Amino acid sequence: MAGVQGRVALVTGAGSADGIGFACARVLKAAGARVAITSTTGRIHDRLAELGPEGAVATTSDLTRQADVDRLIAQTEAALGPIDILVNNAGMVQTGHDTQSRSLADTPDADWAFGIDINLTSVFRMTRAVLPGMTARGYGRIVQMSSVTGPVVGIATSSVYASAKAGILGMTRALAIDVGGKGVTVNCIGPGWIRTGSSSEAEITAGRHTPLGRPERRKRWPTPLPFPGRRGGKLWRPDSSLSSMAATRSRNTRSRLRRGAQSAPSRSASTNCARDTVIVYPAAGIAP
């Protein structure tokens, strides 16, 4: 992560103390980046206090609203400078907004629109907002937090979520080709079962039914670029996604990928194994 020293990183969906977003922010800050964090509620200021206010800033924003996206970008750049790194982690749930899992046939238009908005359209808006500056400066690192649900596996009554997360992977691959020659890399991470504050009892139970059957917190984290079949059977903590995020920043990872190439998880992975694995979906867009 030495490459983030002095860079400005913006991490969305960082309001939860034990969530993936705040875990990413902590690692970036520790590596020397200036970090902006955001969530929809005032608890983001508690996270800022934990990070330490020097070289960091927190903003409340609802990324389903374009005006909030514009304000977030403006406030971040006014406080810290041009954004070099974007971690699009926001999505899945929104504090204060209850959604029900339904079959596709029973999904109202409003639930579909909301699910796509918080999980996919928010990623589109944020990415679109930072791209002009990144391409003009010839440097940018964009990390999209997708899921194994949608791109790799399906879960009953999760059609909206799966559609959005699969859409993030498709967006990443196409965008990486568009901007790879302009110094901007775009990569996608697909977490499996990660134990966070928003994990339901049903999700924890599902973790117990994976190959190793132990959803407790891990003490050892996966190596970069873990693909299906390498490791499985645990419900990992948010830190499990961090080695994957770090992999998108490392020289070794960039050297493994070819400009214009696309990569996907192994087709031979079993459904359960894929659900247990943090996957990095390397797309194109490898800067010189």
Protein backbone atom coordinates (compact mmCIF):
# COMPACT_ATOMS: atom_id res chain seq x y z
CA MET A 1 0.00 0.00 0.00
CA ALA A 2 3.01 2.32 -0.21
CA GLY A 3 1.56 3.85 -3.36
CA VAL A 4 -1.20 5.64 -1.41
CA GLN A 5 1.20 7.84 0.57
CA GLY A 6 0.00 11.43 0.22
CA ARG A 7 -2.89 10.48 -2.05
CA VAL A 8 -6.49 11.56 -1.40
CA ALA A 9 -8.89 8.65 -0.93
CA LEU A 10 -12.67 8.81 -0.67
CA VAL A 11 -14.46 5.83 0.90
CA THR A 12 -18.25 5.61 0.78
CA GLY A 13 -20.43 3.58 3.12
CA ALA A 14 -18.02 3.98 6.04
CA GLY A 15 -20.48 4.70 8.86
CA SER A 16 -20.43 1.32 10.58
CA ALA A 17 -17.63 0.84 13.11
CA ASP A 18 -17.18 -2.81 12.08
CA GLY A 19 -18.07 -2.53 8.41
CA ILE A 20 -15.98 -3.02 5.28
CA GLY A 21 -15.97 0.68 4.39
CA PHE A 22 -14.47 1.90 7.65
CA ALA A 23 -11.98 -0.97 7.63
CA CYS A 24 -10.79 0.22 4.21
CA ALA A 25 -10.57 3.80 5.47
CA ARG A 26 -8.44 2.75 8.45
CA VAL A 27 -5.97 0.89 6.27
CA LEU A 28 -5.69 3.76 3.78
CA LYS A 29 -5.14 6.28 6.56
CA ALA A 30 -2.52 4.08 8.23
CA ALA A 31 -0.71 3.81 4.89
CA GLY A 32 -0.41 7.58 4.62
CA ALA A 33 -3.39 8.58 2.51
CA ARG A 34 -5.55 11.57 3.28
CA VAL A 35 -8.98 10.04 3.72
CA ALA A 36 -12.54 11.27 3.28
CA ILE A 37 -15.36 9.09 4.60
CA THR A 38 -19.10 9.34 4.14
CA SER A 39 -22.35 7.74 5.19
CA THR A 40 -25.99 8.76 5.38
CA THR A 41 -26.05 9.45 9.13
CA GLY A 42 -24.17 11.50 11.71
CA ARG A 43 -22.37 8.42 13.03
CA ILE A 44 -19.77 9.11 10.33
CA HIS A 45 -18.38 11.81 12.64
CA ASP A 46 -17.78 9.15 15.29
CA ARG A 47 -15.73 7.25 12.71
CA LEU A 48 -13.75 10.42 11.97
CA ALA A 49 -12.92 10.75 15.66
CA GLU A 50 -11.64 7.16 15.60
CA LEU A 51 -9.54 7.80 12.49
CA GLY A 52 -8.12 11.02 13.87
CA PRO A 53 -9.10 14.32 12.27
CA GLU A 54 -5.66 15.19 10.91
CA GLY A 55 -5.63 14.44 7.19
CA ALA A 56 -9.20 13.20 7.23
CA VAL A 57 -12.71 14.56 6.76
CA ALA A 58 -16.24 13.17 7.21
CA THR A 59 -19.41 14.14 5.35
CA THR A 60 -22.98 12.93 5.58
CA SER A 61 -24.49 12.27 2.17
CA ASP A 62 -27.21 10.26 0.47
CA LEU A 63 -25.65 8.95 -2.71
CA THR A 64 -29.06 8.29 -4.25
CA ARG A 65 -29.25 12.08 -4.66
CA GLN A 66 -27.09 13.72 -7.31
CA ALA A 67 -26.95 16.97 -5.33
CA ASP A 68 -25.42 15.10 -2.36
CA VAL A 69 -22.85 13.47 -4.63
CA ASP A 70 -21.83 16.87 -6.02
CA ARG A 71 -21.60 18.34 -2.53
CA LEU A 72 -19.54 15.39 -1.26
CA ILE A 73 -17.01 15.73 -4.07
CA ALA A 74 -16.76 19.50 -3.61
CA GLN A 75 -16.31 19.31 0.17
CA THR A 76 -13.75 16.51 -0.06
CA GLU A 77 -11.62 18.33 -2.61
CA ALA A 78 -11.89 21.62 -0.72
CA ALA A 79 -10.66 19.95 2.47
CA LEU A 80 -8.08 17.49 1.16
CA GLY A 81 -7.41 18.13 -2.52
CA PRO A 82 -8.23 16.30 -5.77
CA ILE A 83 -9.50 12.75 -5.32
CA ASP A 84 -6.97 10.10 -6.40
CA ILE A 85 -8.63 6.98 -4.99
CA LEU A 86 -12.32 6.10 -4.81
CA VAL A 87 -13.62 3.09 -2.86
CA ASN A 88 -17.29 2.61 -3.76
CA ASN A 89 -18.45 0.61 -0.76
CA ALA A 90 -21.89 2.11 -0.07
CA GLY A 91 -24.90 -0.09 -0.73
CA MET A 92 -26.83 -3.17 0.40
CA VAL A 93 -28.74 -1.37 3.17
CA GLN A 94 -29.44 2.22 4.13
CA THR A 95 -29.90 3.23 7.75
CA GLY A 96 -33.51 4.21 8.40
CA HIS A 97 -34.87 2.47 5.30
CA ASP A 98 -36.32 -1.01 5.77
CA THR A 99 -36.51 -3.33 2.79
CA GLN A 100 -37.96 -6.83 2.56
CA SER A 101 -36.53 -9.76 0.68
CA ARG A 102 -39.04 -10.89 -1.94
CA SER A 103 -39.27 -13.10 -4.96
CA LEU A 104 -38.92 -11.20 -8.22
CA ALA A 105 -42.59 -11.75 -9.03
CA ASP A 106 -43.58 -10.03 -5.77
CA THR A 107 -41.15 -7.11 -6.04
CA PRO A 108 -42.86 -3.71 -6.39
CA ASP A 109 -41.40 -1.16 -8.78
CA ALA A 110 -40.43 1.05 -5.83
CA ASP A 111 -38.37 -1.72 -4.18
CA TRP A 112 -36.61 -2.49 -7.47
CA ALA A 113 -35.82 1.17 -8.07
CA PHE A 114 -34.50 1.68 -4.54
CA GLY A 115 -32.34 -1.45 -4.59
CA ILE A 116 -30.78 -0.55 -7.93
CA ASP A 117 -30.34 3.05 -6.82
CA ILE A 118 -28.41 2.37 -3.61
CA ASN A 119 -26.35 -0.52 -4.97
CA LEU A 120 -25.64 0.35 -8.61
CA THR A 121 -26.71 3.88 -9.55
CA SER A 122 -24.86 5.33 -6.55
CA VAL A 123 -21.68 3.66 -7.83
CA PHE A 124 -22.31 5.09 -11.29
CA ARG A 125 -22.83 8.61 -9.91
CA MET A 126 -19.74 8.56 -7.72
CA THR A 127 -17.53 7.09 -10.41
CA ARG A 128 -18.77 9.53 -13.03
CA ALA A 129 -18.08 12.43 -10.66
CA VAL A 130 -14.39 11.60 -10.07
CA LEU A 131 -13.42 10.41 -13.56
CA PRO A 132 -12.90 13.79 -15.29
CA GLY A 133 -10.36 14.88 -12.68
CA MET A 134 -8.58 11.52 -12.62
CA THR A 135 -8.21 11.31 -16.38
CA ALA A 136 -7.11 14.95 -16.64
CA ARG A 137 -4.35 14.34 -14.07
CA GLY A 138 -3.42 10.97 -15.57
CA TYR A 139 -3.86 9.09 -12.32
CA GLY A 140 -6.75 7.36 -10.57
CA ARG A 141 -7.57 4.20 -8.64
CA ILE A 142 -11.19 3.10 -8.42
CA VAL A 143 -12.23 0.08 -6.32
CA GLN A 144 -15.83 -1.10 -6.63
CA MET A 145 -17.23 -3.26 -3.83
CA SER A 146 -19.51 -5.78 -5.53
CA SER A 147 -20.31 -9.24 -4.12
CA VAL A 148 -20.17 -12.90 -5.00
CA THR A 149 -23.98 -12.70 -5.06
CA GLY A 150 -24.94 -11.90 -8.63
CA PRO A 151 -21.60 -12.29 -10.42
CA VAL A 152 -20.96 -15.82 -9.06
CA VAL A 153 -23.90 -17.21 -7.09
CA GLY A 154 -27.57 -16.58 -6.45
CA ILE A 155 -29.52 -16.37 -3.20
CA ALA A 156 -33.27 -16.82 -2.97
CA THR A 157 -35.32 -13.60 -2.77
CA SER A 158 -32.26 -11.47 -3.62
CA SER A 159 -32.90 -10.77 -7.30
CA VAL A 160 -32.64 -6.99 -6.96
CA TYR A 161 -29.40 -7.07 -4.99
CA ALA A 162 -27.88 -9.73 -7.26
CA SER A 163 -28.79 -7.74 -10.38
CA ALA A 164 -27.18 -4.60 -9.01
CA LYS A 165 -23.99 -6.32 -7.91
CA ALA A 166 -23.62 -8.12 -11.22
CA GLY A 167 -24.11 -4.73 -12.86
CA ILE A 168 -21.19 -3.30 -10.88
CA LEU A 169 -18.90 -5.98 -12.27
CA GLY A 170 -20.06 -5.30 -15.83
CA MET A 171 -19.57 -1.56 -15.34
CA THR A 172 -16.08 -2.14 -13.95
CA ARG A 173 -14.92 -4.24 -16.88
CA ALA A 174 -16.23 -1.84 -19.50
CA LEU A 175 -14.97 1.27 -17.70
CA ALA A 176 -11.53 -0.21 -17.13
CA ILE A 177 -11.11 -0.56 -20.89
CA ASP A 178 -12.32 3.02 -21.42
CA VAL A 179 -9.88 4.66 -19.01
CA GLY A 180 -6.94 2.25 -18.78
CA GLY A 181 -4.90 4.23 -21.27
CA LYS A 182 -5.43 7.41 -19.25
CA GLY A 183 -3.70 6.30 -16.09
CA VAL A 184 -6.82 5.14 -14.26
CA THR A 185 -7.29 1.57 -13.01
CA VAL A 186 -10.70 0.16 -12.12
CA ASN A 187 -11.09 -3.07 -10.16
CA CYS A 188 -13.94 -4.89 -8.46
CA ILE A 189 -13.98 -6.88 -5.20
CA GLY A 190 -16.59 -9.55 -4.48
CA PRO A 191 -16.81 -10.25 -0.72
CA GLY A 192 -18.42 -13.50 0.37
CA TRP A 193 -19.76 -14.06 3.89
CA ILE A 194 -18.30 -11.17 5.90
CA ARG A 195 -19.32 -10.71 9.53
CA THR A 196 -20.23 -7.04 10.01
CA GLY A 197 -22.65 -5.17 12.22
CA SER A 198 -25.35 -5.58 9.57
CA SER A 199 -25.02 -9.37 9.36
CA SER A 200 -28.35 -11.05 10.08
CA GLU A 201 -28.76 -14.27 12.01
CA ALA A 202 -29.75 -15.95 8.75
CA GLU A 203 -26.45 -14.87 7.16
CA ILE A 204 -24.46 -16.11 10.13
CA THR A 205 -26.33 -19.41 9.92
CA ALA A 206 -25.51 -19.61 6.22
CA GLY A 207 -21.86 -19.13 7.10
CA ARG A 208 -22.05 -22.17 9.34
CA HIS A 209 -23.21 -24.26 6.39
CA THR A 210 -20.23 -23.47 4.19
CA PRO A 211 -17.56 -26.15 3.60
CA LEU A 212 -15.59 -25.59 6.83
CA GLY A 213 -18.71 -24.70 8.78
CA ARG A 214 -17.13 -22.07 11.00
CA PRO A 215 -18.46 -18.54 10.62
CA GLU A 216 -16.48 -17.14 13.54
CA ARG A 217 -14.05 -14.28 13.06
CA ARG A 218 -10.79 -15.26 11.44
CA LYS A 219 -7.44 -14.52 13.01
CA ARG A 220 -5.55 -15.00 9.78
CA TRP A 221 -6.49 -13.15 6.62
CA PRO A 222 -6.38 -14.34 3.02
CA THR A 223 -3.49 -13.59 0.74
CA PRO A 224 -4.11 -11.14 -2.12
CA LEU A 225 -6.21 -12.31 -5.05
CA PRO A 226 -7.91 -15.32 -3.41
CA PHE A 227 -10.07 -17.02 -6.03
CA PRO A 228 -12.76 -19.67 -5.45
CA GLY A 229 -11.34 -22.97 -4.32
CA ARG A 230 -8.34 -21.47 -2.55
CA ARG A 231 -9.98 -20.77 0.78
CA GLY A 232 -13.46 -21.17 2.09
CA GLY A 233 -15.79 -22.13 4.88
CA LYS A 234 -15.53 -19.09 7.13
CA LEU A 235 -17.51 -15.95 7.72
CA TRP A 236 -14.70 -13.44 7.45
CA ARG A 237 -14.43 -10.06 9.13
CA PRO A 238 -14.32 -6.80 7.14
CA ASP A 239 -10.51 -7.02 7.23
CA SER A 240 -10.82 -9.98 4.86
CA SER A 241 -11.61 -7.55 2.05
CA LEU A 242 -8.58 -5.42 2.78
CA SER A 243 -5.94 -7.70 1.31
CA SER A 244 -8.08 -7.74 -1.82
CA MET A 245 -8.24 -3.95 -1.86
CA ALA A 246 -4.50 -3.81 -1.28
CA ALA A 247 -4.03 -6.19 -4.19
CA THR A 248 -5.61 -3.66 -6.53
CA ARG A 249 -2.96 -1.15 -5.39
CA SER A 250 0.12 -3.38 -5.59
CA ARG A 251 2.71 -3.42 -8.33
CA ASN A 252 2.58 -7.21 -8.43
CA THR A 253 -1.13 -7.23 -9.18
CA ARG A 254 -0.83 -4.63 -11.90
CA SER A 255 1.97 -6.58 -13.52
CA ARG A 256 -0.19 -9.71 -13.66
CA LEU A 257 -2.88 -8.01 -15.73
CA ARG A 258 -2.75 -6.99 -19.35
CA ARG A 259 -4.33 -3.88 -20.73
CA GLY A 260 -7.59 -4.88 -22.34
CA ALA A 261 -7.73 -8.25 -20.60
CA GLN A 262 -10.71 -9.46 -18.60
CA SER A 263 -10.76 -12.00 -15.83
CA ALA A 264 -13.49 -13.97 -14.08
CA PRO A 265 -13.64 -16.44 -11.21
CA SER A 266 -13.10 -20.13 -11.86
CA ARG A 267 -16.19 -21.80 -13.33
CA SER A 268 -15.40 -24.97 -11.40
CA ALA A 269 -15.96 -23.41 -7.99
CA SER A 270 -18.90 -24.81 -6.10
CA THR A 271 -21.69 -22.46 -5.04
CA ASN A 272 -20.87 -22.75 -1.35
CA CYS A 273 -17.16 -22.32 -1.90
CA ALA A 274 -17.76 -19.22 -4.01
CA ARG A 275 -19.93 -17.70 -1.30
CA ASP A 276 -17.07 -18.08 1.19
CA THR A 277 -14.45 -16.35 -0.91
CA VAL A 278 -13.35 -12.75 -1.28
CA ILE A 279 -12.81 -12.42 -5.00
CA VAL A 280 -10.94 -9.74 -6.86
CA TYR A 281 -12.35 -9.31 -10.35
CA PRO A 282 -9.40 -7.75 -12.19
CA ALA A 283 -10.64 -5.91 -15.27
CA ALA A 284 -8.63 -3.91 -17.73
CA GLY A 285 -7.28 -0.43 -17.23
CA ILE A 286 -3.70 -1.06 -16.20
CA ALA A 287 -1.78 2.18 -16.02
CA PRO A 288 1.78 2.31 -17.29
